[in-house]
Structures are given as structure tokens and as C-alpha cells.
């Protein structure tokens, strides 16, 4: 939470402690401190005042690439429309009591739950990603392999290549482990498209893919044993 008034800070902390679903992960007493902390750590729900020393609550949110679920706690009602435009879950006017606080929290938890279900439904269908101007949902069965590069990842499918600004390490958790395996620091493959692997003189193992391009990919030494165990199952 981001709040510069000591009384409001203690009140919010007390209300949060009475909700078993919530855990106070940190607080800031200025906008600059809030922005720094939110950028360095992931938070699910943010309680933030608008009139903070330094950056305002609005400016804090505008400085974030990813805005968490937000409940504004403020004495100023004239910013409500702008707050909801920024995606705020609720806008609580000071002074507020525990009943009003709980109503806002219930609304936030409901939104988080619905969004989580929607995200899980999407993950069951395929890999969701974006490039500079579009969003894609690629069925897992269409993905042959993924390759990571300096500032992007290429998803190689049966029919095309899709470039995304997401790096491979952030994509891995969204791929079914039973279907996809890392074989190299640069490559992740779909096991359904594997033909065989072969050892070449000089100590290099190469994986042969059963796609139209008959792709060959190097196998990193640190990944080989796990890959071999997978093939033996």
C-alpha cells in the first residue's frame, strides 16, 4: 500500500490483517518510493492514495508497464473517472470504515478470481503472446519449437513463424511440461515433432525434427540426460 498519512496507514494495515485472504507485502510513504517498489517486486493488489509526496498515485500507475489490481484510497472525489480509466477496481473516499474497505476487497478478489479463470481457459487452448501490434493464441499442437534471440523469441509453427517480445524464460511456465522440453539455452521443442537424435564426432548431439522443414537443432550438454530419459519412457 502507498499512503503518507500515519493514521490512514495504521488503519489500512489493521483492516488488511483482519482479512485472511490478504497479506501486507509492503508499504510506501511517497509516490517515488511506491513506483520503485512496485517495479522491483510483483504485487497482486495495491492500495494507493492519490495525493502522495513526490509522484501522485496516478503518476505512479502511469509509470508502470504492468498495473496490478488497484484500490484508490483518497479524500478527493474529482479523480474517480480517471482512476477507473486506469483500471482501478474501486475508489474509496476517506474517511472510510471497515465495511466499505471489505466491500472494495470483495470486489477486487472477485475480479482477480474471474481473470484467473479466464487466463487458465486461455492456457488450456494454447500459447498466448503478442508482437509489436497484435495478440496471438497459438494452439500447442501447432508449435514445433521455440528459439530465443537477443530481444525476442520466435515461435516456429507448422505453417509460419511468429515473433514475440516475450523472452523464452517467461514463456516456459505457460507451456505444458509433458509436451515441451528445453534442449538448449536457445531452444524449446515440442516432443510430438521429434524424429530422433544423433551423436556426431566432436561431442555434439543433434535433434532431428519431423516437420516439413526437417529441422535440426543442437542439444546442449546440460539438457541431454533429461531428454534421453524422456525418450526412454
C-alpha atoms as a PDB file:
ATOM      1  CA  UNK A   1       0.000   0.000   0.000  1.00  0.00           C
ATOM      2  CA  UNK A   2       1.083   3.588  -0.622  1.00  0.00           C
ATOM      3  CA  UNK A   3      -0.045   6.098   1.993  1.00  0.00           C
ATOM      4  CA  UNK A   4       1.682   9.088   3.610  1.00  0.00           C
ATOM      5  CA  UNK A   5      -0.739   9.727   6.498  1.00  0.00           C
ATOM      6  CA  UNK A   6       0.267   7.740   9.583  1.00  0.00           C
ATOM      7  CA  UNK A   7      -3.307   7.308  10.838  1.00  0.00           C
ATOM      8  CA  UNK A   8      -4.559   6.055   7.453  1.00  0.00           C
ATOM      9  CA  UNK A   9      -1.531   3.767   7.150  1.00  0.00           C
ATOM     10  CA  UNK A  10      -2.231   2.139  10.517  1.00  0.00           C
ATOM     11  CA  UNK A  11      -5.960   1.883   9.776  1.00  0.00           C
ATOM     12  CA  UNK A  12      -5.383   0.150   6.441  1.00  0.00           C
ATOM     13  CA  UNK A  13      -2.805  -2.199   7.933  1.00  0.00           C
ATOM     14  CA  UNK A  14      -5.282  -3.170  10.647  1.00  0.00           C
ATOM     15  CA  UNK A  15      -8.073  -3.816   8.151  1.00  0.00           C
ATOM     16  CA  UNK A  16      -5.758  -5.882   5.953  1.00  0.00           C
ATOM     17  CA  UNK A  17      -4.674  -8.045   8.893  1.00  0.00           C
ATOM     18  CA  UNK A  18      -8.325  -8.893   9.584  1.00  0.00           C
ATOM     19  CA  UNK A  19      -8.745 -10.353   6.079  1.00  0.00           C
ATOM     20  CA  UNK A  20      -7.196 -13.873   5.944  1.00  0.00           C
ATOM     21  CA  UNK A  21      -7.023 -13.715   2.120  1.00  0.00           C
ATOM     22  CA  UNK A  22      -4.695 -10.709   2.291  1.00  0.00           C
ATOM     23  CA  UNK A  23      -1.083 -10.368   3.329  1.00  0.00           C
ATOM     24  CA  UNK A  24       0.605  -6.992   3.700  1.00  0.00           C
ATOM     25  CA  UNK A  25       3.672  -7.374   1.493  1.00  0.00           C
ATOM     26  CA  UNK A  26       4.998  -3.833   1.851  1.00  0.00           C
ATOM     27  CA  UNK A  27       4.196  -0.157   2.049  1.00  0.00           C
ATOM     28  CA  UNK A  28       5.491   3.163   0.774  1.00  0.00           C
ATOM     29  CA  UNK A  29       5.051   6.703   2.076  1.00  0.00           C
ATOM     30  CA  UNK A  30       5.740   8.564  -1.171  1.00  0.00           C
ATOM     31  CA  UNK A  31       4.954   8.148  -4.845  1.00  0.00           C
ATOM     32  CA  UNK A  32       8.607   7.740  -5.808  1.00  0.00           C
ATOM     33  CA  UNK A  33       9.109   5.008  -3.210  1.00  0.00           C
ATOM     34  CA  UNK A  34       5.921   3.256  -4.348  1.00  0.00           C
ATOM     35  CA  UNK A  35       6.979   3.261  -8.000  1.00  0.00           C
ATOM     36  CA  UNK A  36      10.405   1.870  -7.152  1.00  0.00           C
ATOM     37  CA  UNK A  37       8.981  -0.949  -5.015  1.00  0.00           C
ATOM     38  CA  UNK A  38       6.243  -1.944  -7.472  1.00  0.00           C
ATOM     39  CA  UNK A  39       8.759  -2.076 -10.319  1.00  0.00           C
ATOM     40  CA  UNK A  40      11.112  -4.306  -8.322  1.00  0.00           C
ATOM     41  CA  UNK A  41       8.539  -6.747  -6.939  1.00  0.00           C
ATOM     42  CA  UNK A  42       5.256  -8.232  -8.128  1.00  0.00           C
ATOM     43  CA  UNK A  43       2.127  -7.321  -6.134  1.00  0.00           C
ATOM     44  CA  UNK A  44      -1.391  -8.656  -6.681  1.00  0.00           C
ATOM     45  CA  UNK A  45      -3.359  -5.817  -5.092  1.00  0.00           C
ATOM     46  CA  UNK A  46      -2.370  -2.215  -4.453  1.00  0.00           C
ATOM     47  CA  UNK A  47      -3.989   0.270  -2.078  1.00  0.00           C
ATOM     48  CA  UNK A  48      -2.807   3.733  -3.057  1.00  0.00           C
ATOM     49  CA  UNK A  49      -3.562   7.328  -2.119  1.00  0.00           C
ATOM     50  CA  UNK A  50      -3.686   9.955  -4.858  1.00  0.00           C
ATOM     51  CA  UNK A  51      -2.110  12.864  -3.006  1.00  0.00           C
ATOM     52  CA  UNK A  52       1.341  11.458  -2.180  1.00  0.00           C
ATOM     53  CA  UNK A  53       4.646  13.299  -1.714  1.00  0.00           C
ATOM     54  CA  UNK A  54       6.583  13.343  -4.983  1.00  0.00           C
ATOM     55  CA  UNK A  55       4.712  11.422  -7.656  1.00  0.00           C
ATOM     56  CA  UNK A  56       0.938  11.260  -7.273  1.00  0.00           C
ATOM     57  CA  UNK A  57      -0.881   7.934  -7.139  1.00  0.00           C
ATOM     58  CA  UNK A  58      -1.998   8.491 -10.727  1.00  0.00           C
ATOM     59  CA  UNK A  59       1.560   9.169 -11.875  1.00  0.00           C
ATOM     60  CA  UNK A  60       2.753   6.008 -10.139  1.00  0.00           C
ATOM     61  CA  UNK A  61       0.327   3.881 -12.154  1.00  0.00           C
ATOM     62  CA  UNK A  62       1.170   5.705 -15.380  1.00  0.00           C
ATOM     63  CA  UNK A  63       4.825   4.847 -14.786  1.00  0.00           C
ATOM     64  CA  UNK A  64       4.173   1.092 -14.675  1.00  0.00           C
ATOM     65  CA  UNK A  65       4.313  -1.349 -17.584  1.00  0.00           C
ATOM     66  CA  UNK A  66       2.017  -3.764 -15.758  1.00  0.00           C
ATOM     67  CA  UNK A  67      -0.606  -2.272 -13.443  1.00  0.00           C
ATOM     68  CA  UNK A  68      -1.706  -4.567 -10.578  1.00  0.00           C
ATOM     69  CA  UNK A  69      -5.259  -4.609  -9.269  1.00  0.00           C
ATOM     70  CA  UNK A  70      -5.706  -1.204  -7.635  1.00  0.00           C
ATOM     71  CA  UNK A  71      -7.958   0.267  -4.956  1.00  0.00           C
ATOM     72  CA  UNK A  72      -7.590   4.023  -4.547  1.00  0.00           C
ATOM     73  CA  UNK A  73      -7.952   5.403  -1.008  1.00  0.00           C
ATOM     74  CA  UNK A  74      -8.262   9.180  -1.133  1.00  0.00           C
ATOM     75  CA  UNK A  75     -10.061  12.262   0.127  1.00  0.00           C
ATOM     76  CA  UNK A  76     -10.509  13.629  -3.402  1.00  0.00           C
ATOM     77  CA  UNK A  77     -13.528  12.553  -5.444  1.00  0.00           C
ATOM     78  CA  UNK A  78     -12.668  14.500  -8.613  1.00  0.00           C
ATOM     79  CA  UNK A  79     -10.158  11.871  -9.795  1.00  0.00           C
ATOM     80  CA  UNK A  80     -12.574   8.939  -9.793  1.00  0.00           C
ATOM     81  CA  UNK A  81     -13.234   8.868 -13.547  1.00  0.00           C
ATOM     82  CA  UNK A  82      -9.530   8.968 -14.374  1.00  0.00           C
ATOM     83  CA  UNK A  83      -8.864   6.257 -11.776  1.00  0.00           C
ATOM     84  CA  UNK A  84     -11.362   3.879 -13.368  1.00  0.00           C
ATOM     85  CA  UNK A  85      -9.933   4.719 -16.794  1.00  0.00           C
ATOM     86  CA  UNK A  86      -6.615   3.397 -15.460  1.00  0.00           C
ATOM     87  CA  UNK A  87      -8.348   0.154 -14.486  1.00  0.00           C
ATOM     88  CA  UNK A  88      -8.964   0.751 -10.776  1.00  0.00           C
ATOM     89  CA  UNK A  89     -11.095  -1.910  -9.073  1.00  0.00           C
ATOM     90  CA  UNK A  90     -12.550   0.582  -6.597  1.00  0.00           C
ATOM     91  CA  UNK A  91     -12.219   4.154  -5.364  1.00  0.00           C
ATOM     92  CA  UNK A  92     -12.706   4.660  -1.616  1.00  0.00           C
ATOM     93  CA  UNK A  93     -13.247   8.138  -0.224  1.00  0.00           C
ATOM     94  CA  UNK A  94     -11.721   8.999   3.144  1.00  0.00           C
ATOM     95  CA  UNK A  95     -12.763   8.669   5.844  1.00  0.00           C
ATOM     96  CA  UNK A  96     -13.976   5.103   5.311  1.00  0.00           C
ATOM     97  CA  UNK A  97     -14.886   2.322   7.708  1.00  0.00           C
ATOM     98  CA  UNK A  98     -14.164  -1.391   7.721  1.00  0.00           C
ATOM     99  CA  UNK A  99     -17.438  -2.200   5.965  1.00  0.00           C
ATOM    100  CA  UNK A 100     -16.510  -0.004   2.984  1.00  0.00           C
ATOM    101  CA  UNK A 101     -12.996  -1.451   2.971  1.00  0.00           C
ATOM    102  CA  UNK A 102     -14.353  -5.015   2.916  1.00  0.00           C
ATOM    103  CA  UNK A 103     -16.698  -4.180   0.055  1.00  0.00           C
ATOM    104  CA  UNK A 104     -13.748  -2.948  -2.017  1.00  0.00           C
ATOM    105  CA  UNK A 105     -11.661  -6.018  -1.155  1.00  0.00           C
ATOM    106  CA  UNK A 106     -14.512  -8.384  -2.054  1.00  0.00           C
ATOM    107  CA  UNK A 107     -14.836  -6.631  -5.405  1.00  0.00           C
ATOM    108  CA  UNK A 108     -11.094  -6.956  -6.026  1.00  0.00           C
ATOM    109  CA  UNK A 109     -10.989 -10.653  -5.086  1.00  0.00           C
ATOM    110  CA  UNK A 110     -13.962 -11.340  -7.352  1.00  0.00           C
ATOM    111  CA  UNK A 111     -12.209  -9.599 -10.267  1.00  0.00           C
ATOM    112  CA  UNK A 112      -8.961 -11.467  -9.602  1.00  0.00           C
ATOM    113  CA  UNK A 113     -10.808 -14.795  -9.477  1.00  0.00           C
ATOM    114  CA  UNK A 114     -12.641 -14.208 -12.755  1.00  0.00           C
ATOM    115  CA  UNK A 115      -9.494 -13.032 -14.521  1.00  0.00           C
ATOM    116  CA  UNK A 116      -7.589 -16.089 -13.264  1.00  0.00           C
ATOM    117  CA  UNK A 117     -10.263 -18.421 -14.633  1.00  0.00           C
ATOM    118  CA  UNK A 118     -10.167 -16.653 -17.994  1.00  0.00           C
ATOM    119  CA  UNK A 119      -6.370 -16.870 -18.091  1.00  0.00           C
ATOM    120  CA  UNK A 120      -6.495 -20.586 -17.249  1.00  0.00           C
ATOM    121  CA  UNK A 121      -9.046 -21.180 -20.018  1.00  0.00           C
ATOM    122  CA  UNK A 122      -6.734 -19.464 -22.497  1.00  0.00           C
ATOM    123  CA  UNK A 123      -3.730 -21.510 -21.303  1.00  0.00           C
ATOM    124  CA  UNK A 124      -5.696 -24.719 -21.905  1.00  0.00           C
ATOM    125  CA  UNK A 125      -6.265 -23.695 -25.530  1.00  0.00           C
ATOM    126  CA  UNK A 126      -2.758 -22.622 -26.443  1.00  0.00           C
ATOM    127  CA  UNK A 127       0.059 -20.146 -26.002  1.00  0.00           C
ATOM    128  CA  UNK A 128      -0.996 -16.516 -25.713  1.00  0.00           C
ATOM    129  CA  UNK A 129       1.586 -13.980 -26.871  1.00  0.00           C
ATOM    130  CA  UNK A 130       1.982 -10.670 -28.649  1.00  0.00           C
ATOM    131  CA  UNK A 131       4.284  -8.875 -31.025  1.00  0.00           C
ATOM    132  CA  UNK A 132       4.545  -5.128 -31.592  1.00  0.00           C
ATOM    133  CA  UNK A 133       0.972  -4.659 -32.793  1.00  0.00           C
ATOM    134  CA  UNK A 134      -1.027  -7.900 -32.412  1.00  0.00           C
ATOM    135  CA  UNK A 135      -2.032 -10.625 -29.969  1.00  0.00           C
ATOM    136  CA  UNK A 136      -1.901 -14.313 -30.895  1.00  0.00           C
ATOM    137  CA  UNK A 137      -3.297 -17.530 -29.462  1.00  0.00           C
ATOM    138  CA  UNK A 138      -1.294 -20.408 -30.932  1.00  0.00           C
ATOM    139  CA  UNK A 139      -2.555 -23.977 -30.340  1.00  0.00           C
ATOM    140  CA  UNK A 140       0.103 -26.077 -28.608  1.00  0.00           C
ATOM    141  CA  UNK A 141      -0.220 -28.778 -31.270  1.00  0.00           C
ATOM    142  CA  UNK A 142       0.839 -26.279 -33.959  1.00  0.00           C
ATOM    143  CA  UNK A 143       4.096 -25.309 -32.235  1.00  0.00           C
ATOM    144  CA  UNK A 144       7.145 -27.214 -33.500  1.00  0.00           C
ATOM    145  CA  UNK A 145       9.785 -25.400 -31.446  1.00  0.00           C
ATOM    146  CA  UNK A 146      10.720 -22.022 -29.965  1.00  0.00           C
ATOM    147  CA  UNK A 147      14.006 -20.172 -30.347  1.00  0.00           C
ATOM    148  CA  UNK A 148      15.200 -17.286 -28.201  1.00  0.00           C
ATOM    149  CA  UNK A 149      17.191 -14.333 -29.501  1.00  0.00           C
ATOM    150  CA  UNK A 150      18.659 -11.125 -28.069  1.00  0.00           C
ATOM    151  CA  UNK A 151      15.394  -9.248 -27.524  1.00  0.00           C
ATOM    152  CA  UNK A 152      12.668 -11.590 -28.745  1.00  0.00           C
ATOM    153  CA  UNK A 153      11.519 -15.186 -29.146  1.00  0.00           C
ATOM    154  CA  UNK A 154      10.445 -16.856 -32.381  1.00  0.00           C
ATOM    155  CA  UNK A 155       7.649 -19.435 -32.210  1.00  0.00           C
ATOM    156  CA  UNK A 156       8.085 -21.845 -35.105  1.00  0.00           C
ATOM    157  CA  UNK A 157       4.746 -23.433 -36.024  1.00  0.00           C
ATOM    158  CA  UNK A 158       3.694 -25.867 -38.743  1.00  0.00           C
ATOM    159  CA  UNK A 159       2.791 -23.018 -41.082  1.00  0.00           C
ATOM    160  CA  UNK A 160       4.598 -19.856 -40.027  1.00  0.00           C
ATOM    161  CA  UNK A 161       6.972 -18.122 -37.651  1.00  0.00           C
ATOM    162  CA  UNK A 162       5.636 -15.751 -35.008  1.00  0.00           C
ATOM    163  CA  UNK A 163       7.963 -13.254 -33.342  1.00  0.00           C
ATOM    164  CA  UNK A 164       7.070 -12.141 -29.815  1.00  0.00           C
ATOM    165  CA  UNK A 165       8.689  -9.642 -27.466  1.00  0.00           C
ATOM    166  CA  UNK A 166       8.417 -12.180 -24.627  1.00  0.00           C
ATOM    167  CA  UNK A 167      11.659 -13.927 -23.764  1.00  0.00           C
ATOM    168  CA  UNK A 168      11.775 -17.729 -23.663  1.00  0.00           C
ATOM    169  CA  UNK A 169      12.298 -17.890 -19.892  1.00  0.00           C
ATOM    170  CA  UNK A 170       8.971 -16.100 -19.348  1.00  0.00           C
ATOM    171  CA  UNK A 171       7.140 -18.363 -21.832  1.00  0.00           C
ATOM    172  CA  UNK A 172       8.288 -21.694 -20.385  1.00  0.00           C
ATOM    173  CA  UNK A 173       5.886 -21.632 -17.416  1.00  0.00           C
ATOM    174  CA  UNK A 174       2.948 -21.317 -19.824  1.00  0.00           C
ATOM    175  CA  UNK A 175       3.846 -24.451 -21.792  1.00  0.00           C
ATOM    176  CA  UNK A 176       2.636 -27.949 -20.777  1.00  0.00           C
ATOM    177  CA  UNK A 177       5.690 -29.680 -19.299  1.00  0.00           C
ATOM    178  CA  UNK A 178       4.572 -33.083 -20.558  1.00  0.00           C
ATOM    179  CA  UNK A 179       4.644 -31.801 -24.147  1.00  0.00           C
ATOM    180  CA  UNK A 180       7.564 -29.339 -24.294  1.00  0.00           C
ATOM    181  CA  UNK A 181      11.212 -29.768 -23.308  1.00  0.00           C
ATOM    182  CA  UNK A 182      14.187 -27.426 -23.189  1.00  0.00           C
ATOM    183  CA  UNK A 183      17.053 -28.910 -25.211  1.00  0.00           C
ATOM    184  CA  UNK A 184      19.392 -25.922 -25.349  1.00  0.00           C
ATOM    185  CA  UNK A 185      19.661 -22.458 -23.817  1.00  0.00           C
ATOM    186  CA  UNK A 186      18.244 -21.184 -27.116  1.00  0.00           C
ATOM    187  CA  UNK A 187      15.663 -23.867 -27.942  1.00  0.00           C
ATOM    188  CA  UNK A 188      12.463 -25.416 -26.569  1.00  0.00           C
ATOM    189  CA  UNK A 189      10.882 -28.234 -28.579  1.00  0.00           C
ATOM    190  CA  UNK A 190       7.505 -29.933 -28.892  1.00  0.00           C
ATOM    191  CA  UNK A 191       8.138 -33.637 -28.247  1.00  0.00           C
ATOM    192  CA  UNK A 192       5.392 -34.598 -30.707  1.00  0.00           C
ATOM    193  CA  UNK A 193       7.578 -33.373 -33.585  1.00  0.00           C
ATOM    194  CA  UNK A 194      10.773 -35.169 -32.601  1.00  0.00           C
ATOM    195  CA  UNK A 195      12.066 -37.809 -35.023  1.00  0.00           C
ATOM    196  CA  UNK A 196      15.351 -38.885 -33.405  1.00  0.00           C
ATOM    197  CA  UNK A 197      18.665 -37.610 -32.123  1.00  0.00           C
ATOM    198  CA  UNK A 198      22.182 -38.467 -33.252  1.00  0.00           C
ATOM    199  CA  UNK A 199      25.689 -38.173 -31.881  1.00  0.00           C
ATOM    200  CA  UNK A 200      28.319 -36.569 -34.099  1.00  0.00           C
ATOM    201  CA  UNK A 201      32.069 -36.737 -33.768  1.00  0.00           C
ATOM    202  CA  UNK A 202      33.339 -33.935 -31.601  1.00  0.00           C
ATOM    203  CA  UNK A 203      30.788 -34.477 -28.855  1.00  0.00           C
ATOM    204  CA  UNK A 204      27.752 -32.782 -30.397  1.00  0.00           C
ATOM    205  CA  UNK A 205      24.273 -34.287 -30.149  1.00  0.00           C
ATOM    206  CA  UNK A 206      21.788 -33.113 -32.765  1.00  0.00           C
ATOM    207  CA  UNK A 207      18.000 -33.420 -32.647  1.00  0.00           C
ATOM    208  CA  UNK A 208      16.107 -34.152 -35.861  1.00  0.00           C
ATOM    209  CA  UNK A 209      12.561 -32.799 -36.034  1.00  0.00           C
ATOM    210  CA  UNK A 210       9.789 -34.445 -38.034  1.00  0.00           C
ATOM    211  CA  UNK A 211       8.379 -31.246 -39.520  1.00  0.00           C
ATOM    212  CA  UNK A 212       8.140 -30.174 -43.156  1.00  0.00           C
ATOM    213  CA  UNK A 213      11.458 -28.336 -42.923  1.00  0.00           C
ATOM    214  CA  UNK A 214      13.185 -31.387 -41.377  1.00  0.00           C
ATOM    215  CA  UNK A 215      14.684 -29.019 -38.826  1.00  0.00           C
ATOM    216  CA  UNK A 216      17.866 -29.984 -36.977  1.00  0.00           C
ATOM    217  CA  UNK A 217      18.717 -28.420 -33.620  1.00  0.00           C
ATOM    218  CA  UNK A 218      21.745 -28.733 -31.321  1.00  0.00           C
ATOM    219  CA  UNK A 219      21.234 -30.369 -27.925  1.00  0.00           C
ATOM    220  CA  UNK A 220      23.006 -28.653 -25.043  1.00  0.00           C
ATOM    221  CA  UNK A 221      25.106 -30.918 -22.825  1.00  0.00           C
ATOM    222  CA  UNK A 222      23.257 -29.922 -19.640  1.00  0.00           C
ATOM    223  CA  UNK A 223      19.894 -30.889 -21.200  1.00  0.00           C
ATOM    224  CA  UNK A 224      20.877 -34.157 -22.877  1.00  0.00           C
ATOM    225  CA  UNK A 225      20.446 -36.596 -19.965  1.00  0.00           C
ATOM    226  CA  UNK A 226      16.943 -35.396 -19.141  1.00  0.00           C
ATOM    227  CA  UNK A 227      15.985 -35.552 -22.808  1.00  0.00           C
ATOM    228  CA  UNK A 228      17.325 -39.101 -23.108  1.00  0.00           C
ATOM    229  CA  UNK A 229      15.324 -40.174 -20.040  1.00  0.00           C
ATOM    230  CA  UNK A 230      12.221 -38.695 -21.663  1.00  0.00           C
ATOM    231  CA  UNK A 231      12.757 -40.770 -24.816  1.00  0.00           C
ATOM    232  CA  UNK A 232      13.206 -43.949 -22.772  1.00  0.00           C
ATOM    233  CA  UNK A 233       9.814 -43.609 -21.059  1.00  0.00           C
END
